[in-house]
Amino acid sequence: MLPSSINDEIEGYSKNEGTRQEVISDEKYYTYSYKFKDHNNKTRIWTWNAPRKESDKMINDFGIPEEILKKTSISRLDRNKIYHDGYFHIDKNTGYLSINYNLLINDSRSLVAGIADIVISIAKEEKLNMRDVVDLILAFCQDIPYGIPQRILNGKFTNGFAPPPLSLKNKWSDCDSKAVLFASIYHAITSESIVLINTPGHLFVGISTTPGPYDNTISFRGKKYIIAEQTGTKKVYLGHTSLTYKKPKMIFPVVLEDKYVRPRLPIFSESKVLGGNSVNIILKENNKKILGKYNIYCRYNTVGSFYKQIGKLKPQSNHSLVFSTTKFSKFVEIMVNHNVDGYYFPETKIDMSNEDDYVVDFSDDKCIFVKSKDNQSFYLHTFDLERNKSKFKRMLKTDENGLCRVILPNGYYYVTKNPTFRFINKDDNTSSEDIIVTKGFKYYDSKSGKGIKFDI
């Protein structure tokens, strides 16, 4: 945290734990180093530079001198030029003096080229799709500390806004300033259309792309835009929000008027992911909506530690849920709690040093699938081939549709409704192989995703 004397000077200041923002400068460059966490919980450090002359020009140009707002003797033509030079204009739709977002975004693209280069490099290296790219930029913006700029700064009216180079130099920013920063980075990468959405007291971004089943969208001029909440400090994915929005007052389409031109000076950029092991834990079931059915808990230090519930799971277009983690620990233990009957998955240790993706698939043909009466209790057995006896017995229950889905380690399984059922008598010398055949055991191959079915 900043010292309290500095915090007190920044209205509404808030900073996420574990983030860091550093800025140094010389005659030619500002050099930035920002540490943040992406939506997969990876800690990234981005280091890049930007031309100081052009950055300072935008910072110094932005805003309208206070005396200009008070003078009435200035011609409309001269006044409009002053507004334009300060990145303001009279909005054609409202007739009010407003920040010229389009001009700021167009001019800022070259000043965030280093960030765009990092994003493009990561997208190629990690094979990200455009949705992942948006989430990466969102995570970067969301972890920039929040603070509200002054409405009057150095004798100029700024309307409480900081242009991108000032936000990065300040190392904190607010919603509308971050929206323009996000748009500048995004449009230094692609020309795909976006809008800025203004609601009472808030500004956020809308991305023009095909929405998924869980995405929050807004319609504008016959197109759907997915909400991209860049503000933070809460971390949310594209299409999701931690806020309740009021009806939009205005929607501003971002128009790219000039071809993007990179800075003349060479731009340096570098990205690092802090060391550790990573794994994606994926829950799914027959391409059905499963959001709300499961809660995932995990722990990394198994000695005397407690399971901690994972917050928001990211739903994919096929309705699967994804939790990603990066830790220095080699292992993570996960536990899946079910909010409804008809599911079972035991506490499981995952070797993050070997596993990239760990799939928990409750699809009918991927799990131990039991069909019976509604809300029927039953017993699931597995057989110990070496000891020639049952080594696992658990009572489970079907759901209101008479179905139960179970995921367990590889092995032979059998289902019965009889709690006192015995496979063999004490003096019976029947071999394991014969018991498996005669009693109807079925082999479940969890690792290969080859399920088995029982109808009782």
Protein backbone atom coordinates (compact mmCIF):
# COMPACT_ATOMS: atom_id res chain seq x y z
CA MET A 1 0.00 0.00 0.00
CA LEU A 2 1.04 3.59 -0.53
CA PRO A 3 1.91 5.66 2.54
CA SER A 4 -1.25 7.12 4.08
CA SER A 5 -0.16 10.66 3.24
CA ILE A 6 -0.17 9.77 -0.48
CA ASN A 7 -3.31 7.65 -0.25
CA ASP A 8 -5.14 10.55 1.34
CA GLU A 9 -4.41 12.68 -1.71
CA ILE A 10 -6.04 10.19 -4.12
CA GLU A 11 -9.81 10.05 -3.85
CA GLY A 12 -11.23 6.52 -3.64
CA TYR A 13 -7.80 4.86 -3.80
CA SER A 14 -7.83 1.04 -3.85
CA LYS A 15 -5.09 -1.45 -4.74
CA ASN A 16 -5.10 -5.23 -5.17
CA GLU A 17 -2.68 -7.16 -2.99
CA GLY A 18 0.36 -8.54 -4.81
CA THR A 19 0.32 -5.97 -7.62
CA ARG A 20 3.14 -3.54 -8.31
CA GLN A 21 3.56 -0.52 -10.59
CA GLU A 22 6.91 1.14 -11.27
CA VAL A 23 7.85 3.97 -13.63
CA ILE A 24 11.25 5.45 -14.43
CA SER A 25 12.20 7.91 -17.15
CA ASP A 26 15.11 9.34 -19.08
CA GLU A 27 15.30 11.91 -21.87
CA LYS A 28 13.76 9.61 -24.48
CA TYR A 29 11.53 7.12 -22.70
CA TYR A 30 9.19 6.30 -19.89
CA THR A 31 9.90 2.73 -18.81
CA TYR A 32 7.12 0.92 -17.00
CA SER A 33 7.07 -2.32 -15.00
CA TYR A 34 3.65 -3.57 -13.92
CA LYS A 35 3.06 -6.73 -11.90
CA PHE A 36 -0.46 -8.20 -11.97
CA LYS A 37 -2.43 -11.44 -11.98
CA ASP A 38 -4.31 -12.62 -15.04
CA HIS A 39 -7.68 -14.37 -14.85
CA ASN A 40 -5.92 -17.75 -14.63
CA ASN A 41 -4.20 -16.59 -11.45
CA LYS A 42 -0.79 -16.38 -13.14
CA THR A 43 1.42 -13.60 -11.84
CA ARG A 44 2.79 -11.67 -14.80
CA ILE A 45 5.33 -8.87 -14.95
CA TRP A 46 5.15 -6.65 -18.02
CA THR A 47 7.98 -4.24 -18.74
CA TRP A 48 7.84 -1.83 -21.68
CA ASN A 49 8.71 1.70 -22.66
CA ALA A 50 6.98 4.57 -24.43
CA PRO A 51 8.34 7.72 -26.09
CA ARG A 52 8.55 10.42 -23.43
CA LYS A 53 8.15 13.41 -25.76
CA GLU A 54 4.85 12.23 -27.23
CA SER A 55 3.58 10.97 -23.86
CA ASP A 56 4.32 14.29 -22.17
CA LYS A 57 2.70 16.19 -25.04
CA MET A 58 -0.61 14.37 -24.53
CA ILE A 59 -0.40 14.80 -20.75
CA ASN A 60 0.30 18.53 -21.07
CA ASP A 61 -2.20 19.13 -23.87
CA PHE A 62 -5.11 17.42 -22.16
CA GLY A 63 -7.70 19.65 -20.54
CA ILE A 64 -9.14 23.13 -21.02
CA PRO A 65 -7.64 26.18 -19.28
CA GLU A 66 -10.06 27.42 -16.63
CA GLU A 67 -10.03 30.97 -17.97
CA ILE A 68 -11.26 29.77 -21.36
CA LEU A 69 -14.39 28.33 -19.76
CA LYS A 70 -15.10 31.70 -18.15
CA LYS A 71 -14.48 33.91 -21.19
CA THR A 72 -17.38 34.80 -23.45
CA SER A 73 -15.47 36.93 -25.95
CA ILE A 74 -13.80 34.01 -27.75
CA SER A 75 -15.23 33.10 -31.14
CA ARG A 76 -16.86 29.71 -31.56
CA LEU A 77 -14.17 28.70 -34.06
CA ASP A 78 -11.32 29.58 -31.68
CA ARG A 79 -13.10 27.99 -28.73
CA ASN A 80 -13.66 24.74 -30.63
CA LYS A 81 -9.98 24.66 -31.61
CA ILE A 82 -8.96 25.04 -27.97
CA TYR A 83 -11.37 22.27 -27.04
CA HIS A 84 -9.95 20.03 -29.79
CA ASP A 85 -6.34 20.69 -28.81
CA GLY A 86 -7.23 19.74 -25.23
CA TYR A 87 -9.01 16.53 -26.32
CA PHE A 88 -12.50 17.90 -25.70
CA HIS A 89 -15.34 18.72 -28.08
CA ILE A 90 -19.00 19.65 -28.19
CA ASP A 91 -20.80 16.34 -28.51
CA LYS A 92 -23.08 16.35 -31.56
CA ASN A 93 -25.74 14.22 -29.87
CA THR A 94 -26.00 16.06 -26.56
CA GLY A 95 -24.65 19.52 -27.36
CA TYR A 96 -22.55 19.35 -24.19
CA LEU A 97 -18.82 19.81 -23.70
CA SER A 98 -17.39 16.28 -23.52
CA ILE A 99 -14.09 14.44 -23.58
CA ASN A 100 -13.16 13.50 -27.14
CA TYR A 101 -12.71 9.78 -26.56
CA ASN A 102 -12.17 9.00 -30.24
CA LEU A 103 -9.30 11.44 -30.59
CA LEU A 104 -7.68 10.21 -27.38
CA ILE A 105 -7.87 6.56 -28.44
CA ASN A 106 -6.54 7.30 -31.92
CA ASP A 107 -3.59 9.30 -30.57
CA SER A 108 -2.87 6.93 -27.66
CA ARG A 109 -2.37 3.77 -29.72
CA SER A 110 1.26 4.56 -30.47
CA LEU A 111 1.86 5.39 -26.78
CA VAL A 112 0.75 1.92 -25.65
CA ALA A 113 2.50 0.04 -28.47
CA GLY A 114 4.78 -1.68 -25.95
CA ILE A 115 1.79 -3.15 -24.09
CA ALA A 116 0.19 -4.23 -27.38
CA ASP A 117 3.44 -5.93 -28.42
CA ILE A 118 3.45 -7.92 -25.17
CA VAL A 119 -0.17 -9.02 -25.64
CA ILE A 120 0.46 -10.07 -29.26
CA SER A 121 3.57 -12.03 -28.24
CA ILE A 122 1.72 -13.85 -25.43
CA ALA A 123 -1.22 -14.60 -27.73
CA LYS A 124 1.12 -16.32 -30.20
CA GLU A 125 3.14 -18.16 -27.57
CA GLU A 126 0.15 -19.36 -25.51
CA LYS A 127 -2.17 -19.83 -28.53
CA LEU A 128 -4.83 -17.45 -27.20
CA ASN A 129 -8.03 -16.74 -29.06
CA MET A 130 -9.41 -13.21 -29.27
CA ARG A 131 -11.58 -13.72 -26.20
CA ASP A 132 -8.51 -14.72 -24.20
CA VAL A 133 -6.70 -11.64 -25.51
CA VAL A 134 -9.52 -9.39 -24.28
CA ASP A 135 -9.43 -11.10 -20.87
CA LEU A 136 -5.66 -10.56 -20.68
CA ILE A 137 -5.99 -6.83 -21.36
CA LEU A 138 -8.90 -6.64 -18.90
CA ALA A 139 -6.85 -8.31 -16.16
CA PHE A 140 -4.00 -5.85 -16.75
CA CYS A 141 -6.35 -2.86 -16.48
CA GLN A 142 -8.29 -4.26 -13.51
CA ASP A 143 -5.11 -4.62 -11.45
CA ILE A 144 -4.08 -1.00 -11.96
CA PRO A 145 -4.95 0.65 -8.63
CA TYR A 146 -8.20 2.61 -8.61
CA GLY A 147 -8.26 6.32 -7.89
CA ILE A 148 -10.32 9.30 -9.04
CA PRO A 149 -8.41 12.11 -10.82
CA GLN A 150 -9.02 15.74 -9.91
CA ARG A 151 -11.52 17.70 -12.02
CA ILE A 152 -9.11 20.65 -12.11
CA LEU A 153 -5.41 19.86 -12.54
CA ASN A 154 -2.64 22.42 -13.05
CA GLY A 155 -5.18 25.11 -13.89
CA LYS A 156 -7.00 22.97 -16.47
CA PHE A 157 -10.46 21.45 -16.46
CA THR A 158 -10.06 17.67 -16.92
CA ASN A 159 -13.52 16.49 -15.86
CA GLY A 160 -11.84 13.96 -13.55
CA PHE A 161 -10.16 12.08 -16.41
CA ALA A 162 -6.56 10.98 -17.03
CA PRO A 163 -5.38 10.17 -20.57
CA PRO A 164 -3.57 6.82 -21.00
CA PRO A 165 0.03 8.07 -20.57
CA LEU A 166 -0.96 9.93 -17.39
CA SER A 167 -2.81 6.90 -15.98
CA LEU A 168 0.28 4.76 -16.54
CA LYS A 169 2.61 7.43 -15.16
CA ASN A 170 0.37 7.99 -12.10
CA LYS A 171 0.16 4.21 -11.52
CA TRP A 172 -3.56 4.48 -10.75
CA SER A 173 -6.71 5.31 -12.70
CA ASP A 174 -10.53 5.35 -12.62
CA CYS A 175 -13.28 3.79 -14.74
CA ASP A 176 -13.44 6.15 -17.74
CA SER A 177 -9.66 6.59 -17.83
CA LYS A 178 -9.19 2.80 -17.80
CA ALA A 179 -11.87 2.40 -20.49
CA VAL A 180 -9.87 4.62 -22.84
CA LEU A 181 -6.61 2.89 -21.85
CA PHE A 182 -8.18 -0.50 -22.61
CA ALA A 183 -9.57 0.75 -25.94
CA SER A 184 -6.17 2.19 -26.92
CA ILE A 185 -4.39 -1.12 -26.24
CA TYR A 186 -7.15 -3.10 -27.97
CA HIS A 187 -7.06 -0.88 -31.06
CA ALA A 188 -3.27 -1.06 -31.22
CA ILE A 189 -3.88 -4.78 -31.81
CA THR A 190 -7.08 -4.94 -33.87
CA SER A 191 -9.52 -2.65 -35.64
CA GLU A 192 -12.59 -4.71 -34.62
CA SER A 193 -15.31 -2.33 -33.46
CA ILE A 194 -15.94 -1.46 -29.82
CA VAL A 195 -18.14 1.04 -28.00
CA LEU A 196 -17.82 2.98 -24.76
CA ILE A 197 -20.95 2.68 -22.64
CA ASN A 198 -21.83 5.51 -20.27
CA THR A 199 -24.16 4.82 -17.34
CA PRO A 200 -24.73 7.17 -14.39
CA GLY A 201 -21.35 7.44 -12.66
CA HIS A 202 -19.63 4.81 -14.77
CA LEU A 203 -18.02 4.10 -18.15
CA PHE A 204 -17.14 0.67 -19.52
CA VAL A 205 -16.40 -1.04 -22.83
CA GLY A 206 -18.48 -3.13 -25.22
CA ILE A 207 -16.74 -5.62 -27.55
CA SER A 208 -18.25 -6.60 -30.89
CA THR A 209 -17.93 -10.38 -31.09
CA THR A 210 -20.19 -13.42 -30.90
CA PRO A 211 -21.59 -13.64 -27.35
CA GLY A 212 -21.52 -16.86 -25.34
CA PRO A 213 -24.49 -18.22 -23.37
CA TYR A 214 -23.45 -16.51 -20.13
CA ASP A 215 -22.35 -13.16 -21.54
CA ASN A 216 -23.96 -9.87 -20.59
CA THR A 217 -24.52 -7.85 -23.76
CA ILE A 218 -25.86 -4.53 -24.91
CA SER A 219 -27.35 -3.74 -28.33
CA PHE A 220 -26.36 -0.68 -30.34
CA ARG A 221 -27.32 0.08 -33.94
CA GLY A 222 -28.35 -3.49 -34.63
CA LYS A 223 -25.20 -5.12 -33.19
CA LYS A 224 -24.62 -6.90 -29.92
CA TYR A 225 -21.65 -5.85 -27.81
CA ILE A 226 -20.30 -7.98 -24.96
CA ILE A 227 -19.69 -6.05 -21.75
CA ALA A 228 -15.99 -5.72 -20.87
CA GLU A 229 -15.62 -4.36 -17.34
CA GLN A 230 -12.13 -2.91 -17.23
CA THR A 231 -12.32 -0.95 -13.99
CA GLY A 232 -11.40 -3.44 -11.27
CA THR A 233 -10.25 -3.82 -8.71
CA LYS A 234 -12.44 -6.96 -8.74
CA LYS A 235 -11.37 -9.40 -11.45
CA VAL A 236 -14.10 -10.36 -13.92
CA TYR A 237 -14.02 -12.02 -17.33
CA LEU A 238 -15.33 -10.65 -20.61
CA GLY A 239 -19.12 -10.72 -20.49
CA HIS A 240 -19.27 -10.67 -16.69
CA THR A 241 -19.51 -7.90 -14.15
CA SER A 242 -19.39 -7.40 -10.40
CA LEU A 243 -21.63 -4.33 -10.69
CA THR A 244 -25.31 -3.66 -11.26
CA TYR A 245 -25.61 -1.28 -14.19
CA LYS A 246 -28.24 1.37 -14.65
CA LYS A 247 -29.71 2.13 -18.05
CA PRO A 248 -27.02 3.61 -20.34
CA LYS A 249 -27.16 7.36 -20.83
CA MET A 250 -24.95 7.33 -23.91
CA ILE A 251 -23.10 4.84 -26.09
CA PHE A 252 -20.04 6.11 -27.94
CA PRO A 253 -18.85 4.11 -30.98
CA VAL A 254 -15.06 4.23 -31.27
CA VAL A 255 -14.08 5.41 -34.74
CA LEU A 256 -10.52 4.85 -35.94
CA GLU A 257 -9.90 7.88 -38.12
CA ASP A 258 -6.22 7.44 -38.89
CA LYS A 259 -4.04 4.48 -39.73
CA TYR A 260 -2.13 3.23 -36.71
CA VAL A 261 1.48 4.41 -36.87
CA ARG A 262 4.06 3.01 -34.48
CA PRO A 263 6.40 5.39 -32.64
CA ARG A 264 9.57 6.37 -34.48
CA LEU A 265 11.74 5.41 -31.53
CA PRO A 266 12.41 1.69 -30.98
CA ILE A 267 10.00 0.24 -28.42
CA PHE A 268 11.14 -2.31 -25.85
CA SER A 269 8.75 -4.81 -24.29
CA GLU A 270 9.17 -7.90 -22.13
CA SER A 271 6.80 -10.28 -20.36
CA LYS A 272 7.57 -12.68 -17.53
CA VAL A 273 5.43 -15.22 -15.73
CA LEU A 274 6.61 -15.79 -12.18
CA GLY A 275 7.76 -19.34 -11.51
CA GLY A 276 5.40 -22.03 -10.35
CA ASN A 277 3.27 -24.90 -11.56
CA SER A 278 0.01 -24.41 -13.42
CA VAL A 279 -3.07 -26.50 -14.06
CA ASN A 280 -6.50 -25.90 -15.55
CA ILE A 281 -9.27 -27.79 -13.74
CA ILE A 282 -12.21 -28.31 -16.09
CA LEU A 283 -15.70 -29.47 -15.04
CA LYS A 284 -18.25 -30.48 -17.64
CA GLU A 285 -21.31 -32.61 -18.32
CA ASN A 286 -22.78 -33.41 -21.75
CA ASN A 287 -22.49 -29.79 -22.95
CA LYS A 288 -25.19 -28.90 -20.38
CA LYS A 289 -25.41 -25.80 -18.24
CA ILE A 290 -23.80 -26.74 -14.93
CA LEU A 291 -23.16 -23.30 -13.43
CA GLY A 292 -24.48 -23.40 -9.87
CA LYS A 293 -24.35 -27.21 -9.56
CA TYR A 294 -20.81 -27.41 -8.22
CA ASN A 295 -18.48 -25.62 -5.83
CA ILE A 296 -14.74 -26.27 -6.09
CA TYR A 297 -12.49 -26.18 -3.04
CA CYS A 298 -8.71 -26.48 -3.10
CA ARG A 299 -5.66 -26.47 -0.87
CA TYR A 300 -1.94 -26.45 -1.63
CA ASN A 301 -0.34 -27.27 1.73
CA THR A 302 -1.91 -30.52 2.89
CA VAL A 303 -0.38 -30.47 6.39
CA GLY A 304 -2.82 -28.79 8.73
CA SER A 305 -4.36 -26.64 6.02
CA PHE A 306 -8.00 -26.10 5.16
CA TYR A 307 -9.77 -26.26 1.83
CA LYS A 308 -10.63 -22.85 0.45
CA GLN A 309 -13.62 -22.34 -1.81
CA ILE A 310 -12.82 -21.07 -5.28
CA GLY A 311 -14.75 -17.94 -6.16
CA LYS A 312 -16.17 -17.34 -9.58
CA LEU A 313 -15.78 -20.19 -12.08
CA LYS A 314 -15.43 -19.22 -15.71
CA PRO A 315 -18.18 -20.78 -17.89
CA GLN A 316 -17.10 -21.64 -21.44
CA SER A 317 -19.21 -21.62 -24.60
CA ASN A 318 -19.84 -25.38 -24.16
CA HIS A 319 -21.04 -24.69 -20.57
CA SER A 320 -17.97 -26.29 -18.95
CA LEU A 321 -16.48 -24.56 -15.91
CA VAL A 322 -12.78 -23.73 -15.65
CA PHE A 323 -10.60 -22.96 -12.64
CA SER A 324 -6.93 -22.20 -13.30
CA THR A 325 -4.18 -21.85 -10.76
CA THR A 326 -0.43 -21.17 -10.71
CA LYS A 327 1.49 -21.89 -7.51
CA PHE A 328 4.99 -22.81 -6.40
CA SER A 329 3.42 -25.91 -4.83
CA LYS A 330 3.85 -29.12 -6.80
CA PHE A 331 0.46 -30.50 -5.83
CA VAL A 332 -3.03 -29.10 -5.46
CA GLU A 333 -5.82 -31.03 -3.78
CA ILE A 334 -9.32 -30.34 -5.03
CA MET A 335 -12.72 -31.20 -3.65
CA VAL A 336 -15.96 -30.78 -5.58
CA ASN A 337 -19.07 -30.18 -3.52
CA HIS A 338 -22.39 -30.64 -5.25
CA ASN A 339 -25.36 -28.42 -4.58
CA VAL A 340 -27.71 -31.16 -5.82
CA ASP A 341 -28.00 -34.95 -5.38
CA GLY A 342 -26.75 -37.30 -8.06
CA TYR A 343 -23.03 -36.49 -8.16
CA TYR A 344 -19.91 -37.75 -6.42
CA PHE A 345 -16.25 -36.80 -6.82
CA PRO A 346 -13.77 -37.54 -3.99
CA GLU A 347 -10.93 -35.37 -2.71
CA THR A 348 -8.21 -35.65 -5.34
CA LYS A 349 -4.53 -34.70 -5.42
CA ILE A 350 -3.29 -33.30 -8.75
CA ASP A 351 0.37 -33.13 -9.71
CA MET A 352 0.61 -29.66 -11.26
CA SER A 353 4.15 -30.34 -12.47
CA ASN A 354 2.81 -33.05 -14.82
CA GLU A 355 -0.79 -32.03 -15.53
CA ASP A 356 -1.68 -29.09 -17.76
CA ASP A 357 -5.41 -29.84 -17.83
CA TYR A 358 -7.30 -31.95 -15.30
CA VAL A 359 -10.78 -32.80 -16.56
CA VAL A 360 -13.68 -33.71 -14.27
CA ASP A 361 -16.22 -34.94 -16.83
CA PHE A 362 -19.67 -35.95 -15.56
CA SER A 363 -20.94 -36.69 -19.08
CA ASP A 364 -23.03 -39.90 -19.32
CA ASP A 365 -20.39 -41.88 -21.21
CA LYS A 366 -17.37 -40.55 -19.30
CA CYS A 367 -18.29 -41.38 -15.70
CA ILE A 368 -19.86 -44.15 -13.62
CA PHE A 369 -23.45 -43.51 -14.67
CA VAL A 370 -26.24 -45.02 -12.54
CA LYS A 371 -29.92 -45.02 -13.52
CA SER A 372 -32.67 -45.99 -11.06
CA LYS A 373 -35.77 -44.59 -9.35
CA ASP A 374 -35.95 -40.95 -8.31
CA ASN A 375 -33.98 -40.21 -5.12
CA GLN A 376 -32.94 -43.87 -4.82
CA SER A 377 -30.18 -44.78 -2.34
CA PHE A 378 -27.69 -47.41 -3.56
CA TYR A 379 -24.24 -48.82 -2.82
CA LEU A 380 -21.23 -48.56 -5.08
CA HIS A 381 -18.53 -51.25 -4.65
CA THR A 382 -15.09 -51.64 -6.16
CA PHE A 383 -13.12 -54.88 -6.07
CA ASP A 384 -9.57 -55.45 -4.79
CA LEU A 385 -8.07 -58.00 -7.20
CA GLU A 386 -5.06 -58.74 -4.98
CA ARG A 387 -7.04 -59.35 -1.78
CA ASN A 388 -10.02 -60.90 -3.53
CA LYS A 389 -12.57 -58.71 -1.73
CA SER A 390 -14.48 -55.45 -1.92
CA LYS A 391 -12.20 -52.54 -1.02
CA PHE A 392 -14.63 -49.66 -1.41
CA LYS A 393 -18.28 -49.29 -0.51
CA ARG A 394 -20.12 -45.99 -0.56
CA MET A 395 -23.78 -45.16 -0.24
CA LEU A 396 -24.95 -42.68 -2.86
CA LYS A 397 -28.27 -41.32 -4.06
CA THR A 398 -29.81 -40.57 -7.43
CA ASP A 399 -31.28 -37.18 -8.23
CA GLU A 400 -34.91 -36.25 -8.86
CA ASN A 401 -34.57 -37.75 -12.35
CA GLY A 402 -33.24 -41.07 -11.06
CA LEU A 403 -29.66 -40.42 -12.23
CA CYS A 404 -26.30 -40.36 -10.48
CA ARG A 405 -22.88 -39.53 -11.91
CA VAL A 406 -19.70 -40.64 -10.14
CA ILE A 407 -16.00 -40.07 -10.84
CA LEU A 408 -13.48 -42.35 -9.09
CA PRO A 409 -10.05 -43.87 -9.87
CA ASN A 410 -9.69 -46.63 -12.46
CA GLY A 411 -11.06 -49.99 -11.35
CA TYR A 412 -13.84 -52.60 -11.36
CA TYR A 413 -17.18 -51.37 -9.97
CA TYR A 414 -20.54 -52.85 -9.08
CA VAL A 415 -23.82 -51.28 -7.95
CA THR A 416 -26.49 -52.75 -5.65
CA LYS A 417 -29.43 -51.52 -3.56
CA ASN A 418 -28.77 -54.21 -0.91
CA PRO A 419 -26.68 -52.83 2.02
CA THR A 420 -25.73 -56.35 3.23
CA PHE A 421 -24.79 -57.71 -0.17
CA ARG A 422 -21.71 -59.99 -0.15
CA PHE A 423 -19.72 -61.02 -3.20
CA ILE A 424 -18.30 -64.20 -1.66
CA ASN A 425 -18.60 -66.22 1.51
CA LYS A 426 -15.64 -66.47 3.87
CA ASP A 427 -14.79 -70.01 2.83
CA ASP A 428 -15.37 -69.45 -0.87
CA ASN A 429 -12.23 -69.94 -2.98
CA THR A 430 -13.68 -68.33 -6.09
CA SER A 431 -11.01 -66.40 -7.98
CA SER A 432 -11.14 -62.65 -8.45
CA GLU A 433 -11.56 -63.06 -12.19
CA ASP A 434 -14.58 -65.35 -11.71
CA ILE A 435 -16.19 -62.96 -9.23
CA ILE A 436 -15.79 -60.06 -11.63
CA VAL A 437 -17.45 -62.03 -14.41
CA THR A 438 -20.24 -63.72 -12.43
CA LYS A 439 -21.24 -60.71 -10.32
CA GLY A 440 -21.29 -58.28 -13.20
CA PHE A 441 -18.44 -55.94 -12.29
CA LYS A 442 -17.58 -53.37 -14.94
CA TYR A 443 -14.22 -51.75 -15.58
CA TYR A 444 -14.16 -47.96 -15.39
CA ASP A 445 -11.21 -46.21 -17.08
CA SER A 446 -11.26 -42.73 -15.59
CA LYS A 447 -8.02 -41.53 -17.16
CA SER A 448 -9.11 -42.44 -20.69
CA GLY A 449 -12.62 -41.15 -20.11
CA LYS A 450 -14.31 -44.51 -20.78
CA GLY A 451 -17.41 -44.60 -18.62
CA ILE A 452 -19.66 -47.45 -17.46
CA LYS A 453 -23.42 -47.61 -16.90
CA PHE A 454 -25.64 -49.41 -14.39
CA ASP A 455 -29.43 -49.66 -14.52
CA ILE A 456 -30.90 -50.71 -11.16
